[in-house]
């Protein structure tokens, strides 16, 4: 219980600060604690409900959440995540990890190469935004991470969205994908709701702290920290899949 509470608080800070669901950190941590991969994925999705809802509420109050910008992508994520439970149940753990490694590496490279600041935000066809959300929702909930992990680099690197707005949008997107993901995974297999709720409730305080720090630090430093987080995830996955796998 104490381990789950401490883990939840830490994941909350990560979620609020970087605009992600926290699954990329939570799932490896749960594996260390002895949970199975698909069990950890279910717990992660439940936890994301808490952190994304509360975090988006705080971002909206602070004026950093532009709902109109991300609502179409979020709706796409909701429908895409409906397929996640079936995909997870029929795909091996290693395949899921390799797919995620490919996508996060592409997102990392695109965000790393995007160095231009203060450029005009791009307008994109709503159908394309919906498709992007659909793919991200299906992929992210299949592997138990928040779609914000992939959405933030897309918003920053491809659509020229300012980093703080992109992080807030990423957390808002996770509300839709995680709700749909919980439904889909529950229909296809069991979820350890008890562990998920404990971690989720414990994450609320961490989310508050993470958002507090997010709004106070320089955008350039925040981007560097986000890149560092993504790089650590890539290194971990390469080690897990190809070295120790």
Foldseek 3Di string as FASTA:
>chain_A
DVVLLVLLLQLLLVCQQQLKLSLLPQQVVVVVVPDDQVQSLLLSLLLLLLSLVLSLVVCVVVPLEDCVVQVLLLVLLLQLLLCQQVLLVPDDPLVLLVVVLVLLVVLLVLLVPPDDADDDFDDDDSVVSSPNSNVLLNSCSNNRIQSLSRQQSCRCRPGVDQNSSSSSSSSNSSNSSSVSSNVNNVVNDNHPNVSSVSSNVSSSNSSVVNNVVNVPDDSVVSSVVSSVVSVVSSVVSCCVNPPVD
